[in-house]
C-alpha atoms as a PDB file:
ATOM      1  CA  MET A   1      19.088  -2.068  -5.916  1.00  0.00           C
ATOM      2  CA  SER A   2      20.997  -5.244  -5.260  1.00  0.00           C
ATOM      3  CA  SER A   3      18.098  -7.521  -4.312  1.00  0.00           C
ATOM      4  CA  ILE A   4      16.345  -9.889  -6.680  1.00  0.00           C
ATOM      5  CA  TYR A   5      13.533  -7.355  -6.882  1.00  0.00           C
ATOM      6  CA  GLY A   6      13.753  -4.138  -8.801  1.00  0.00           C
ATOM      7  CA  GLN A   7      12.390  -1.002  -7.168  1.00  0.00           C
ATOM      8  CA  SER A   8       9.175  -1.104  -9.198  1.00  0.00           C
ATOM      9  CA  ASP A   9       8.656  -4.757  -8.178  1.00  0.00           C
ATOM     10  CA  LEU A  10       8.920  -3.776  -4.509  1.00  0.00           C
ATOM     11  CA  TYR A  11       6.333  -1.032  -4.889  1.00  0.00           C
ATOM     12  CA  GLU A  12       4.070  -3.397  -6.814  1.00  0.00           C
ATOM     13  CA  LYS A  13       4.222  -6.107  -4.121  1.00  0.00           C
ATOM     14  CA  ILE A  14       3.558  -3.594  -1.342  1.00  0.00           C
ATOM     15  CA  ALA A  15       0.629  -2.201  -3.351  1.00  0.00           C
ATOM     16  CA  LEU A  16      -0.850  -5.679  -3.773  1.00  0.00           C
ATOM     17  CA  ASN A  17      -0.537  -6.274  -0.040  1.00  0.00           C
ATOM     18  CA  ILE A  18      -2.226  -2.938   0.721  1.00  0.00           C
ATOM     19  CA  LYS A  19      -5.145  -3.889  -1.504  1.00  0.00           C
ATOM     20  CA  LYS A  20      -5.331  -7.391   0.005  1.00  0.00           C
ATOM     21  CA  TYR A  21      -5.468  -6.190   3.588  1.00  0.00           C
ATOM     22  CA  ARG A  22      -7.820  -3.302   2.767  1.00  0.00           C
ATOM     23  CA  LYS A  23     -10.267  -5.769   1.236  1.00  0.00           C
ATOM     24  CA  GLU A  24      -9.861  -8.149   4.201  1.00  0.00           C
ATOM     25  CA  ALA A  25     -10.700  -5.219   6.490  1.00  0.00           C
ATOM     26  CA  GLY A  26     -13.825  -4.613   4.407  1.00  0.00           C
ATOM     27  CA  ILE A  27     -13.120  -0.947   3.751  1.00  0.00           C
ATOM     28  CA  THR A  28     -13.141   1.099   0.578  1.00  0.00           C
ATOM     29  CA  GLN A  29     -10.267   3.048  -0.895  1.00  0.00           C
ATOM     30  CA  ALA A  30     -12.056   6.225   0.175  1.00  0.00           C
ATOM     31  CA  VAL A  31     -12.269   5.096   3.803  1.00  0.00           C
ATOM     32  CA  LEU A  32      -8.608   4.056   3.813  1.00  0.00           C
ATOM     33  CA  ALA A  33      -7.637   7.403   2.295  1.00  0.00           C
ATOM     34  CA  GLU A  34      -9.564   9.281   4.977  1.00  0.00           C
ATOM     35  CA  ARG A  35      -7.930   7.238   7.756  1.00  0.00           C
ATOM     36  CA  VAL A  36      -4.454   7.812   6.308  1.00  0.00           C
ATOM     37  CA  GLY A  37      -5.010  11.504   5.541  1.00  0.00           C
ATOM     38  CA  VAL A  38      -4.443  11.277   1.794  1.00  0.00           C
ATOM     39  CA  SER A  39      -6.725  11.637  -1.199  1.00  0.00           C
ATOM     40  CA  HIS A  40      -8.842   8.814  -2.548  1.00  0.00           C
ATOM     41  CA  GLU A  41      -7.014   9.323  -5.840  1.00  0.00           C
ATOM     42  CA  PHE A  42      -3.672   8.656  -4.117  1.00  0.00           C
ATOM     43  CA  ILE A  43      -4.880   5.294  -2.752  1.00  0.00           C
ATOM     44  CA  ARG A  44      -6.414   4.460  -6.127  1.00  0.00           C
ATOM     45  CA  ARG A  45      -3.066   5.124  -7.844  1.00  0.00           C
ATOM     46  CA  ILE A  46      -1.207   2.988  -5.301  1.00  0.00           C
ATOM     47  CA  GLU A  47      -3.528   0.036  -5.898  1.00  0.00           C
ATOM     48  CA  SER A  48      -3.710   0.488  -9.672  1.00  0.00           C
ATOM     49  CA  THR A  49      -1.955  -2.075 -11.835  1.00  0.00           C
ATOM     50  CA  LYS A  50      -0.990   0.713 -14.239  1.00  0.00           C
ATOM     51  CA  GLY A  51       1.602   3.411 -13.895  1.00  0.00           C
ATOM     52  CA  ARG A  52       4.590   4.053 -11.717  1.00  0.00           C
ATOM     53  CA  LYS A  53       4.110   3.904  -7.978  1.00  0.00           C
ATOM     54  CA  THR A  54       5.821   6.084  -5.427  1.00  0.00           C
ATOM     55  CA  PHE A  55       5.027   6.318  -1.763  1.00  0.00           C
ATOM     56  CA  SER A  56       7.095   6.818   1.358  1.00  0.00           C
ATOM     57  CA  ILE A  57       7.764   4.504   4.276  1.00  0.00           C
ATOM     58  CA  ASP A  58       5.815   7.017   6.371  1.00  0.00           C
ATOM     59  CA  THR A  59       2.785   6.468   4.129  1.00  0.00           C
ATOM     60  CA  ILE A  60       3.183   2.687   4.382  1.00  0.00           C
ATOM     61  CA  TYR A  61       3.331   3.015   8.160  1.00  0.00           C
ATOM     62  CA  LYS A  62       0.174   5.168   8.245  1.00  0.00           C
ATOM     63  CA  ILE A  63      -1.592   2.646   6.003  1.00  0.00           C
ATOM     64  CA  SER A  64      -0.628  -0.193   8.354  1.00  0.00           C
ATOM     65  CA  LEU A  65      -2.066   1.782  11.288  1.00  0.00           C
ATOM     66  CA  ALA A  66      -5.253   2.517   9.362  1.00  0.00           C
ATOM     67  CA  LEU A  67      -5.623  -1.185   8.529  1.00  0.00           C
ATOM     68  CA  ASP A  68      -4.708  -2.164  12.101  1.00  0.00           C
ATOM     69  CA  ILE A  69      -1.994  -4.560  10.945  1.00  0.00           C
ATOM     70  CA  PRO A  70       1.747  -4.769  11.619  1.00  0.00           C
ATOM     71  CA  ILE A  71       3.709  -2.905   8.936  1.00  0.00           C
ATOM     72  CA  SER A  72       5.593  -6.143   8.209  1.00  0.00           C
ATOM     73  CA  LYS A  73       2.441  -7.581   6.611  1.00  0.00           C
ATOM     74  CA  LEU A  74       2.733  -4.998   3.834  1.00  0.00           C
ATOM     75  CA  PHE A  75       6.184  -6.382   3.016  1.00  0.00           C
ATOM     76  CA  GLU A  76       5.083 -10.024   2.780  1.00  0.00           C
ATOM     77  CA  GLY A  77       6.447 -11.880  -0.210  1.00  0.00           C
ATOM     78  CA  ILE A  78       9.393  -9.559  -0.723  1.00  0.00           C
END
């Protein structure tokens, strides 16, 4: 990747934004998972500060819909 961010940094920043907006919405990981159609464990892994993160743009889009925010908010700070 030619940007100043490495791929893992991009995933990490998106994950932090997901957690931020989920908390602002006042919903749990379990509720977000149900709205997105993924397991609670999957959302937990995304938001975890440990381990490698992988998720698709489709998943990011579904998360933005579930949080009722523009997808661009999940890319803030990148």
